[in-house]
Each structure stands twice: as structure tokens, then as C-alpha cells.
Amino acid sequence: MTSLEAIQLVLAQGELTTVNLRDWITNNIVPLVLLAIAVILLWIGGRGDNAGVARRSIGLLVGLVALGIAVTGSGPAVGQALANLLVSTG
């Protein structure tokens, strides 16, 4: 079977999605990244740089919000809510 035939076979089976890849990243990569970030923040806090930990924690929260929006696919709803804060509809 050639690669062209394999591609045609996959396309003939229906819609291609990234659900399995997204689930694998969510279940495996994200916890490892969060663990690494926690260790780094504990290491920085152990040096006495509490202000540095606070700054990095705020950045971490913003990143986690962005990750949550991306993983759940709720970007359009969040964008609409933010637009409603700026524009009155009444």
C-alpha cells in the first residue's frame, strides 16, 4: 500500500479529529508541566525571592486560563463575554 492509498483510506473513513491527541496532551503533558512549574516556584521561594514567586504565579495563572480556554474550546464564548463587557447591547 502506498502512502497515497493509505491517506485515501483514512479520508474515506470519515472526519479526522484531534480529540485523541488533545486528550493525551491534557492527561500526560499538562500534569508534567504543572509539576515542573511547582518545583521551580518552590525552588525560587526557597531562595527567599517571594516577590519573584508572586510575579511568576500571576503569569502562571494567566497561562492556565489560556490553556483551559484552548482545551475546552470555549474561546468564542469567552470572546463574546469580553466583548459584552466593552460594548453595551441595550
PDB file of N, CA and C in Angstrom:
ATOM      1  N   MET A   1       0.851  -1.173   0.000  1.00  0.00           N
ATOM      2  CA  MET A   1       0.000   0.000   0.000  1.00  0.00           C
ATOM      3  C   MET A   1       0.894   1.233   0.000  1.00  0.00           C
ATOM      4  N   THR A   2       0.629   2.133  -0.891  1.00  0.00           N
ATOM      5  CA  THR A   2       1.407   3.367  -0.958  1.00  0.00           C
ATOM      6  C   THR A   2       0.862   4.372   0.049  1.00  0.00           C
ATOM      7  N   SER A   3       1.611   5.421   0.283  1.00  0.00           N
ATOM      8  CA  SER A   3       1.167   6.431   1.236  1.00  0.00           C
ATOM      9  C   SER A   3      -0.085   7.141   0.722  1.00  0.00           C
ATOM     10  N   LEU A   4      -0.201   7.313  -0.593  1.00  0.00           N
ATOM     11  CA  LEU A   4      -1.393   7.943  -1.152  1.00  0.00           C
ATOM     12  C   LEU A   4      -2.624   7.076  -0.901  1.00  0.00           C
ATOM     13  N   GLU A   5      -2.485   5.774  -1.062  1.00  0.00           N
ATOM     14  CA  GLU A   5      -3.602   4.869  -0.791  1.00  0.00           C
ATOM     15  C   GLU A   5      -3.974   4.882   0.687  1.00  0.00           C
ATOM     16  N   ALA A   6      -2.973   4.945   1.547  1.00  0.00           N
ATOM     17  CA  ALA A   6      -3.234   4.990   2.988  1.00  0.00           C
ATOM     18  C   ALA A   6      -3.980   6.264   3.360  1.00  0.00           C
ATOM     19  N   ILE A   7      -3.596   7.376   2.773  1.00  0.00           N
ATOM     20  CA  ILE A   7      -4.276   8.649   3.038  1.00  0.00           C
ATOM     21  C   ILE A   7      -5.717   8.583   2.548  1.00  0.00           C
ATOM     22  N   GLN A   8      -5.913   8.019   1.359  1.00  0.00           N
ATOM     23  CA  GLN A   8      -7.263   7.897   0.822  1.00  0.00           C
ATOM     24  C   GLN A   8      -8.121   6.997   1.711  1.00  0.00           C
ATOM     25  N   LEU A   9      -7.532   5.941   2.244  1.00  0.00           N
ATOM     26  CA  LEU A   9      -8.263   5.040   3.130  1.00  0.00           C
ATOM     27  C   LEU A   9      -8.689   5.762   4.404  1.00  0.00           C
ATOM     28  N   VAL A  10      -7.798   6.552   4.981  1.00  0.00           N
ATOM     29  CA  VAL A  10      -8.115   7.298   6.203  1.00  0.00           C
ATOM     30  C   VAL A  10      -9.196   8.328   5.926  1.00  0.00           C
ATOM     31  N   LEU A  11      -9.074   9.041   4.814  1.00  0.00           N
ATOM     32  CA  LEU A  11     -10.066  10.057   4.478  1.00  0.00           C
ATOM     33  C   LEU A  11     -11.425   9.445   4.177  1.00  0.00           C
ATOM     34  N   ALA A  12     -11.453   8.237   3.629  1.00  0.00           N
ATOM     35  CA  ALA A  12     -12.717   7.580   3.312  1.00  0.00           C
ATOM     36  C   ALA A  12     -13.452   7.129   4.563  1.00  0.00           C
ATOM     37  N   GLN A  13     -12.747   6.989   5.679  1.00  0.00           N
ATOM     38  CA  GLN A  13     -13.372   6.515   6.911  1.00  0.00           C
ATOM     39  C   GLN A  13     -14.161   7.606   7.623  1.00  0.00           C
ATOM     40  N   GLY A  14     -14.010   8.834   7.228  1.00  0.00           N
ATOM     41  CA  GLY A  14     -14.796   9.896   7.847  1.00  0.00           C
ATOM     42  C   GLY A  14     -13.938  11.065   8.283  1.00  0.00           C
ATOM     43  N   GLU A  15     -14.504  11.836   9.170  1.00  0.00           N
ATOM     44  CA  GLU A  15     -13.889  13.077   9.622  1.00  0.00           C
ATOM     45  C   GLU A  15     -12.652  12.814  10.483  1.00  0.00           C
ATOM     46  N   LEU A  16     -11.611  13.576  10.229  1.00  0.00           N
ATOM     47  CA  LEU A  16     -10.399  13.495  11.042  1.00  0.00           C
ATOM     48  C   LEU A  16     -10.523  14.489  12.195  1.00  0.00           C
ATOM     49  N   THR A  17     -10.201  14.035  13.391  1.00  0.00           N
ATOM     50  CA  THR A  17     -10.255  14.920  14.553  1.00  0.00           C
ATOM     51  C   THR A  17      -8.950  14.816  15.340  1.00  0.00           C
ATOM     52  N   THR A  18      -8.781  15.764  16.228  1.00  0.00           N
ATOM     53  CA  THR A  18      -7.600  15.764  17.098  1.00  0.00           C
ATOM     54  C   THR A  18      -7.982  15.463  18.543  1.00  0.00           C
ATOM     55  N   VAL A  19      -9.127  14.838  18.739  1.00  0.00           N
ATOM     56  CA  VAL A  19      -9.623  14.573  20.095  1.00  0.00           C
ATOM     57  C   VAL A  19      -8.653  13.678  20.861  1.00  0.00           C
ATOM     58  N   ASN A  20      -8.178  12.609  20.242  1.00  0.00           N
ATOM     59  CA  ASN A  20      -7.269  11.703  20.951  1.00  0.00           C
ATOM     60  C   ASN A  20      -5.965  12.392  21.315  1.00  0.00           C
ATOM     61  N   LEU A  21      -5.419  13.192  20.407  1.00  0.00           N
ATOM     62  CA  LEU A  21      -4.182  13.917  20.696  1.00  0.00           C
ATOM     63  C   LEU A  21      -4.411  14.922  21.817  1.00  0.00           C
ATOM     64  N   ARG A  22      -5.516  15.659  21.752  1.00  0.00           N
ATOM     65  CA  ARG A  22      -5.830  16.641  22.792  1.00  0.00           C
ATOM     66  C   ARG A  22      -5.985  15.958  24.149  1.00  0.00           C
ATOM     67  N   ASP A  23      -6.671  14.820  24.181  1.00  0.00           N
ATOM     68  CA  ASP A  23      -6.835  14.095  25.445  1.00  0.00           C
ATOM     69  C   ASP A  23      -5.500  13.604  25.986  1.00  0.00           C
ATOM     70  N   TRP A  24      -4.630  13.103  25.103  1.00  0.00           N
ATOM     71  CA  TRP A  24      -3.323  12.623  25.548  1.00  0.00           C
ATOM     72  C   TRP A  24      -2.495  13.769  26.125  1.00  0.00           C
ATOM     73  N   ILE A  25      -2.508  14.918  25.451  1.00  0.00           N
ATOM     74  CA  ILE A  25      -1.756  16.072  25.955  1.00  0.00           C
ATOM     75  C   ILE A  25      -2.328  16.513  27.292  1.00  0.00           C
ATOM     76  N   THR A  26      -3.655  16.569  27.388  1.00  0.00           N
ATOM     77  CA  THR A  26      -4.297  17.006  28.629  1.00  0.00           C
ATOM     78  C   THR A  26      -3.993  16.050  29.780  1.00  0.00           C
ATOM     79  N   ASN A  27      -3.967  14.769  29.507  1.00  0.00           N
ATOM     80  CA  ASN A  27      -3.776  13.780  30.569  1.00  0.00           C
ATOM     81  C   ASN A  27      -2.316  13.513  30.907  1.00  0.00           C
ATOM     82  N   ASN A  28      -1.383  13.800  30.003  1.00  0.00           N
ATOM     83  CA  ASN A  28       0.014  13.437  30.234  1.00  0.00           C
ATOM     84  C   ASN A  28       0.963  14.628  30.298  1.00  0.00           C
ATOM     85  N   ILE A  29       0.916  15.492  29.322  1.00  0.00           N
ATOM     86  CA  ILE A  29       1.879  16.589  29.254  1.00  0.00           C
ATOM     87  C   ILE A  29       1.554  17.689  30.265  1.00  0.00           C
ATOM     88  N   VAL A  30       0.294  18.079  30.358  1.00  0.00           N
ATOM     89  CA  VAL A  30      -0.088  19.191  31.240  1.00  0.00           C
ATOM     90  C   VAL A  30       0.275  18.911  32.698  1.00  0.00           C
ATOM     91  N   PRO A  31      -0.007  17.726  33.260  1.00  0.00           N
ATOM     92  CA  PRO A  31       0.417  17.496  34.652  1.00  0.00           C
ATOM     93  C   PRO A  31       1.941  17.562  34.839  1.00  0.00           C
ATOM     94  N   LEU A  32       2.699  17.084  33.872  1.00  0.00           N
ATOM     95  CA  LEU A  32       4.155  17.165  33.985  1.00  0.00           C
ATOM     96  C   LEU A  32       4.640  18.609  33.966  1.00  0.00           C
ATOM     97  N   VAL A  33       4.054  19.426  33.111  1.00  0.00           N
ATOM     98  CA  VAL A  33       4.431  20.836  33.048  1.00  0.00           C
ATOM     99  C   VAL A  33       4.062  21.534  34.355  1.00  0.00           C
ATOM    100  N   LEU A  34       2.879  21.248  34.888  1.00  0.00           N
ATOM    101  CA  LEU A  34       2.476  21.861  36.156  1.00  0.00           C
ATOM    102  C   LEU A  34       3.374  21.425  37.303  1.00  0.00           C
ATOM    103  N   LEU A  35       3.788  20.165  37.309  1.00  0.00           N
ATOM    104  CA  LEU A  35       4.712  19.692  38.331  1.00  0.00           C
ATOM    105  C   LEU A  35       6.057  20.413  38.230  1.00  0.00           C
ATOM    106  N   ALA A  36       6.550  20.571  37.019  1.00  0.00           N
ATOM    107  CA  ALA A  36       7.819  21.277  36.821  1.00  0.00           C
ATOM    108  C   ALA A  36       7.711  22.725  37.277  1.00  0.00           C
ATOM    109  N   ILE A  37       6.608  23.375  36.970  1.00  0.00           N
ATOM    110  CA  ILE A  37       6.413  24.765  37.397  1.00  0.00           C
ATOM    111  C   ILE A  37       6.353  24.854  38.917  1.00  0.00           C
ATOM    112  N   ALA A  38       5.667  23.913  39.552  1.00  0.00           N
ATOM    113  CA  ALA A  38       5.583  23.917  41.016  1.00  0.00           C
ATOM    114  C   ALA A  38       6.958  23.749  41.648  1.00  0.00           C
ATOM    115  N   VAL A  39       7.767  22.862  41.101  1.00  0.00           N
ATOM    116  CA  VAL A  39       9.118  22.658  41.634  1.00  0.00           C
ATOM    117  C   VAL A  39       9.957  23.919  41.467  1.00  0.00           C
ATOM    118  N   ILE A  40       9.848  24.554  40.318  1.00  0.00           N
ATOM    119  CA  ILE A  40      10.614  25.792  40.072  1.00  0.00           C
ATOM    120  C   ILE A  40      10.176  26.886  41.035  1.00  0.00           C
ATOM    121  N   LEU A  41       8.861  27.036  41.247  1.00  0.00           N
ATOM    122  CA  LEU A  41       8.382  28.061  42.178  1.00  0.00           C
ATOM    123  C   LEU A  41       8.830  27.771  43.607  1.00  0.00           C
ATOM    124  N   LEU A  42       8.827  26.496  44.017  1.00  0.00           N
ATOM    125  CA  LEU A  42       9.321  26.155  45.353  1.00  0.00           C
ATOM    126  C   LEU A  42      10.810  26.443  45.479  1.00  0.00           C
ATOM    127  N   TRP A  43      11.554  26.186  44.423  1.00  0.00           N
ATOM    128  CA  TRP A  43      12.991  26.451  44.445  1.00  0.00           C
ATOM    129  C   TRP A  43      13.258  27.949  44.555  1.00  0.00           C
ATOM    130  N   ILE A  44      12.513  28.752  43.800  1.00  0.00           N
ATOM    131  CA  ILE A  44      12.691  30.208  43.868  1.00  0.00           C
ATOM    132  C   ILE A  44      12.271  30.717  45.242  1.00  0.00           C
ATOM    133  N   GLY A  45      11.175  30.173  45.771  1.00  0.00           N
ATOM    134  CA  GLY A  45      10.720  30.590  47.103  1.00  0.00           C
ATOM    135  C   GLY A  45      11.703  30.212  48.193  1.00  0.00           C
ATOM    136  N   GLY A  46      12.404  29.101  48.014  1.00  0.00           N
ATOM    137  CA  GLY A  46      13.403  28.676  48.983  1.00  0.00           C
ATOM    138  C   GLY A  46      14.590  29.615  49.047  1.00  0.00           C
ATOM    139  N   ARG A  47      14.827  30.366  47.988  1.00  0.00           N
ATOM    140  CA  ARG A  47      15.920  31.342  47.988  1.00  0.00           C
ATOM    141  C   ARG A  47      15.511  32.644  48.644  1.00  0.00           C
ATOM    142  N   GLY A  48      14.227  32.773  48.998  1.00  0.00           N
ATOM    143  CA  GLY A  48      13.767  33.989  49.666  1.00  0.00           C
ATOM    144  C   GLY A  48      13.216  35.040  48.724  1.00  0.00           C
ATOM    145  N   ASP A  49      13.074  34.738  47.462  1.00  0.00           N
ATOM    146  CA  ASP A  49      12.572  35.701  46.490  1.00  0.00           C
ATOM    147  C   ASP A  49      11.052  35.570  46.380  1.00  0.00           C
ATOM    148  N   ASN A  50      10.361  36.015  47.425  1.00  0.00           N
ATOM    149  CA  ASN A  50       8.908  35.877  47.445  1.00  0.00           C
ATOM    150  C   ASN A  50       8.232  36.746  46.396  1.00  0.00           C
ATOM    151  N   ALA A  51       8.781  37.907  46.114  1.00  0.00           N
ATOM    152  CA  ALA A  51       8.207  38.773  45.083  1.00  0.00           C
ATOM    153  C   ALA A  51       8.321  38.103  43.708  1.00  0.00           C
ATOM    154  N   GLY A  52       9.432  37.412  43.480  1.00  0.00           N
ATOM    155  CA  GLY A  52       9.600  36.697  42.219  1.00  0.00           C
ATOM    156  C   GLY A  52       8.598  35.562  42.080  1.00  0.00           C
ATOM    157  N   VAL A  53       8.327  34.883  43.176  1.00  0.00           N
ATOM    158  CA  VAL A  53       7.334  33.807  43.156  1.00  0.00           C
ATOM    159  C   VAL A  53       5.955  34.390  42.859  1.00  0.00           C
ATOM    160  N   ALA A  54       5.627  35.527  43.453  1.00  0.00           N
ATOM    161  CA  ALA A  54       4.324  36.148  43.221  1.00  0.00           C
ATOM    162  C   ALA A  54       4.169  36.561  41.759  1.00  0.00           C
ATOM    163  N   ARG A  55       5.201  37.171  41.181  1.00  0.00           N
ATOM    164  CA  ARG A  55       5.141  37.577  39.767  1.00  0.00           C
ATOM    165  C   ARG A  55       4.962  36.373  38.864  1.00  0.00           C
ATOM    166  N   ARG A  56       5.709  35.326  39.120  1.00  0.00           N
ATOM    167  CA  ARG A  56       5.619  34.140  38.275  1.00  0.00           C
ATOM    168  C   ARG A  56       4.278  33.421  38.467  1.00  0.00           C
ATOM    169  N   SER A  57       3.723  33.493  39.668  1.00  0.00           N
ATOM    170  CA  SER A  57       2.434  32.855  39.922  1.00  0.00           C
ATOM    171  C   SER A  57       1.315  33.550  39.158  1.00  0.00           C
ATOM    172  N   ILE A  58       1.380  34.870  39.055  1.00  0.00           N
ATOM    173  CA  ILE A  58       0.373  35.606  38.274  1.00  0.00           C
ATOM    174  C   ILE A  58       0.482  35.200  36.810  1.00  0.00           C
ATOM    175  N   GLY A  59       1.694  35.124  36.290  1.00  0.00           N
ATOM    176  CA  GLY A  59       1.878  34.676  34.911  1.00  0.00           C
ATOM    177  C   GLY A  59       1.394  33.249  34.714  1.00  0.00           C
ATOM    178  N   LEU A  60       1.619  32.417  35.711  1.00  0.00           N
ATOM    179  CA  LEU A  60       1.157  31.029  35.646  1.00  0.00           C
ATOM    180  C   LEU A  60      -0.367  30.960  35.588  1.00  0.00           C
ATOM    181  N   LEU A  61      -1.040  31.765  36.393  1.00  0.00           N
ATOM    182  CA  LEU A  61      -2.499  31.771  36.373  1.00  0.00           C
ATOM    183  C   LEU A  61      -3.045  32.218  35.013  1.00  0.00           C
ATOM    184  N   VAL A  62      -2.437  33.234  34.435  1.00  0.00           N
ATOM    185  CA  VAL A  62      -2.863  33.690  33.109  1.00  0.00           C
ATOM    186  C   VAL A  62      -2.651  32.579  32.081  1.00  0.00           C
ATOM    187  N   GLY A  63      -1.525  31.903  32.162  1.00  0.00           N
ATOM    188  CA  GLY A  63      -1.260  30.792  31.249  1.00  0.00           C
ATOM    189  C   GLY A  63      -2.228  29.640  31.427  1.00  0.00           C
ATOM    190  N   LEU A  64      -2.587  29.327  32.670  1.00  0.00           N
ATOM    191  CA  LEU A  64      -3.544  28.259  32.929  1.00  0.00           C
ATOM    192  C   LEU A  64      -4.937  28.606  32.414  1.00  0.00           C
ATOM    193  N   VAL A  65      -5.316  29.866  32.520  1.00  0.00           N
ATOM    194  CA  VAL A  65      -6.605  30.291  31.967  1.00  0.00           C
ATOM    195  C   VAL A  65      -6.609  30.116  30.458  1.00  0.00           C
ATOM    196  N   ALA A  66      -5.517  30.536  29.807  1.00  0.00           N
ATOM    197  CA  ALA A  66      -5.418  30.378  28.350  1.00  0.00           C
ATOM    198  C   ALA A  66      -5.441  28.905  27.963  1.00  0.00           C
ATOM    199  N   LEU A  67      -4.757  28.075  28.717  1.00  0.00           N
ATOM    200  CA  LEU A  67      -4.757  26.639  28.441  1.00  0.00           C
ATOM    201  C   LEU A  67      -6.151  26.046  28.616  1.00  0.00           C
ATOM    202  N   GLY A  68      -6.841  26.446  29.649  1.00  0.00           N
ATOM    203  CA  GLY A  68      -8.197  25.963  29.879  1.00  0.00           C
ATOM    204  C   GLY A  68      -9.151  26.359  28.767  1.00  0.00           C
ATOM    205  N   ILE A  69      -9.012  27.582  28.277  1.00  0.00           N
ATOM    206  CA  ILE A  69      -9.853  28.027  27.167  1.00  0.00           C
ATOM    207  C   ILE A  69      -9.536  27.224  25.914  1.00  0.00           C
ATOM    208  N   ALA A  70      -8.267  26.981  25.671  1.00  0.00           N
ATOM    209  CA  ALA A  70      -7.875  26.245  24.464  1.00  0.00           C
ATOM    210  C   ALA A  70      -8.317  24.791  24.514  1.00  0.00           C
ATOM    211  N   VAL A  71      -8.194  24.158  25.665  1.00  0.00           N
ATOM    212  CA  VAL A  71      -8.518  22.737  25.777  1.00  0.00           C
ATOM    213  C   VAL A  71     -10.025  22.501  25.710  1.00  0.00           C
ATOM    214  N   THR A  72     -10.801  23.381  26.321  1.00  0.00           N
ATOM    215  CA  THR A  72     -12.245  23.178  26.340  1.00  0.00           C
ATOM    216  C   THR A  72     -12.925  23.670  25.077  1.00  0.00           C
ATOM    217  N   GLY A  73     -12.245  24.485  24.287  1.00  0.00           N
ATOM    218  CA  GLY A  73     -12.846  25.013  23.067  1.00  0.00           C
ATOM    219  C   GLY A  73     -13.865  26.104  23.328  1.00  0.00           C
ATOM    220  N   SER A  74     -13.781  26.763  24.452  1.00  0.00           N
ATOM    221  CA  SER A  74     -14.750  27.798  24.796  1.00  0.00           C
ATOM    222  C   SER A  74     -14.263  29.191  24.424  1.00  0.00           C
ATOM    223  N   GLY A  75     -13.351  29.281  23.496  1.00  0.00           N
ATOM    224  CA  GLY A  75     -12.823  30.575  23.064  1.00  0.00           C
ATOM    225  C   GLY A  75     -13.880  31.543  22.570  1.00  0.00           C
ATOM    226  N   PRO A  76     -14.781  31.107  21.673  1.00  0.00           N
ATOM    227  CA  PRO A  76     -15.813  32.047  21.196  1.00  0.00           C
ATOM    228  C   PRO A  76     -16.716  32.569  22.322  1.00  0.00           C
ATOM    229  N   ALA A  77     -17.065  31.720  23.273  1.00  0.00           N
ATOM    230  CA  ALA A  77     -17.920  32.163  24.379  1.00  0.00           C
ATOM    231  C   ALA A  77     -17.187  33.170  25.264  1.00  0.00           C
ATOM    232  N   VAL A  78     -15.909  32.934  25.517  1.00  0.00           N
ATOM    233  CA  VAL A  78     -15.120  33.863  26.325  1.00  0.00           C
ATOM    234  C   VAL A  78     -14.958  35.188  25.585  1.00  0.00           C
ATOM    235  N   GLY A  79     -14.693  35.111  24.288  1.00  0.00           N
ATOM    236  CA  GLY A  79     -14.578  36.333  23.486  1.00  0.00           C
ATOM    237  C   GLY A  79     -15.865  37.133  23.480  1.00  0.00           C
ATOM    238  N   GLN A  80     -16.999  36.448  23.382  1.00  0.00           N
ATOM    239  CA  GLN A  80     -18.296  37.134  23.412  1.00  0.00           C
ATOM    240  C   GLN A  80     -18.524  37.789  24.770  1.00  0.00           C
ATOM    241  N   ALA A  81     -18.165  37.104  25.847  1.00  0.00           N
ATOM    242  CA  ALA A  81     -18.338  37.673  27.195  1.00  0.00           C
ATOM    243  C   ALA A  81     -17.457  38.913  27.365  1.00  0.00           C
ATOM    244  N   LEU A  82     -16.215  38.854  26.881  1.00  0.00           N
ATOM    245  CA  LEU A  82     -15.339  40.025  26.978  1.00  0.00           C
ATOM    246  C   LEU A  82     -15.852  41.175  26.126  1.00  0.00           C
ATOM    247  N   ALA A  83     -16.366  40.872  24.946  1.00  0.00           N
ATOM    248  CA  ALA A  83     -16.936  41.920  24.090  1.00  0.00           C
ATOM    249  C   ALA A  83     -18.148  42.563  24.742  1.00  0.00           C
ATOM    250  N   ASN A  84     -18.946  41.772  25.442  1.00  0.00           N
ATOM    251  CA  ASN A  84     -20.113  42.319  26.132  1.00  0.00           C
ATOM    252  C   ASN A  84     -19.715  43.237  27.276  1.00  0.00           C
ATOM    253  N   LEU A  85     -18.548  43.048  27.843  1.00  0.00           N
ATOM    254  CA  LEU A  85     -18.074  43.964  28.885  1.00  0.00           C
ATOM    255  C   LEU A  85     -17.744  45.337  28.325  1.00  0.00           C
ATOM    256  N   LEU A  86     -17.303  45.375  27.069  1.00  0.00           N
ATOM    257  CA  LEU A  86     -16.877  46.617  26.449  1.00  0.00           C
ATOM    258  C   LEU A  86     -17.986  47.344  25.698  1.00  0.00           C
ATOM    259  N   VAL A  87     -18.945  46.604  25.184  1.00  0.00           N
ATOM    260  CA  VAL A  87     -19.985  47.172  24.349  1.00  0.00           C
ATOM    261  C   VAL A  87     -21.329  46.928  25.004  1.00  0.00           C
ATOM    262  N   SER A  88     -22.082  47.987  25.189  1.00  0.00           N
ATOM    263  CA  SER A  88     -23.421  47.783  25.760  1.00  0.00           C
ATOM    264  C   SER A  88     -24.380  47.373  24.657  1.00  0.00           C
ATOM    265  N   THR A  89     -25.255  46.422  24.965  1.00  0.00           N
ATOM    266  CA  THR A  89     -26.202  45.925  23.958  1.00  0.00           C
ATOM    267  C   THR A  89     -27.594  46.506  24.194  1.00  0.00           C
ATOM    268  N   GLY A  90     -27.724  47.447  25.114  1.00  0.00           N
ATOM    269  CA  GLY A  90     -29.034  47.974  25.446  1.00  0.00           C
ATOM    270  C   GLY A  90     -29.254  49.279  24.892  1.00  0.00           C
TER     271      GLY A  90
END
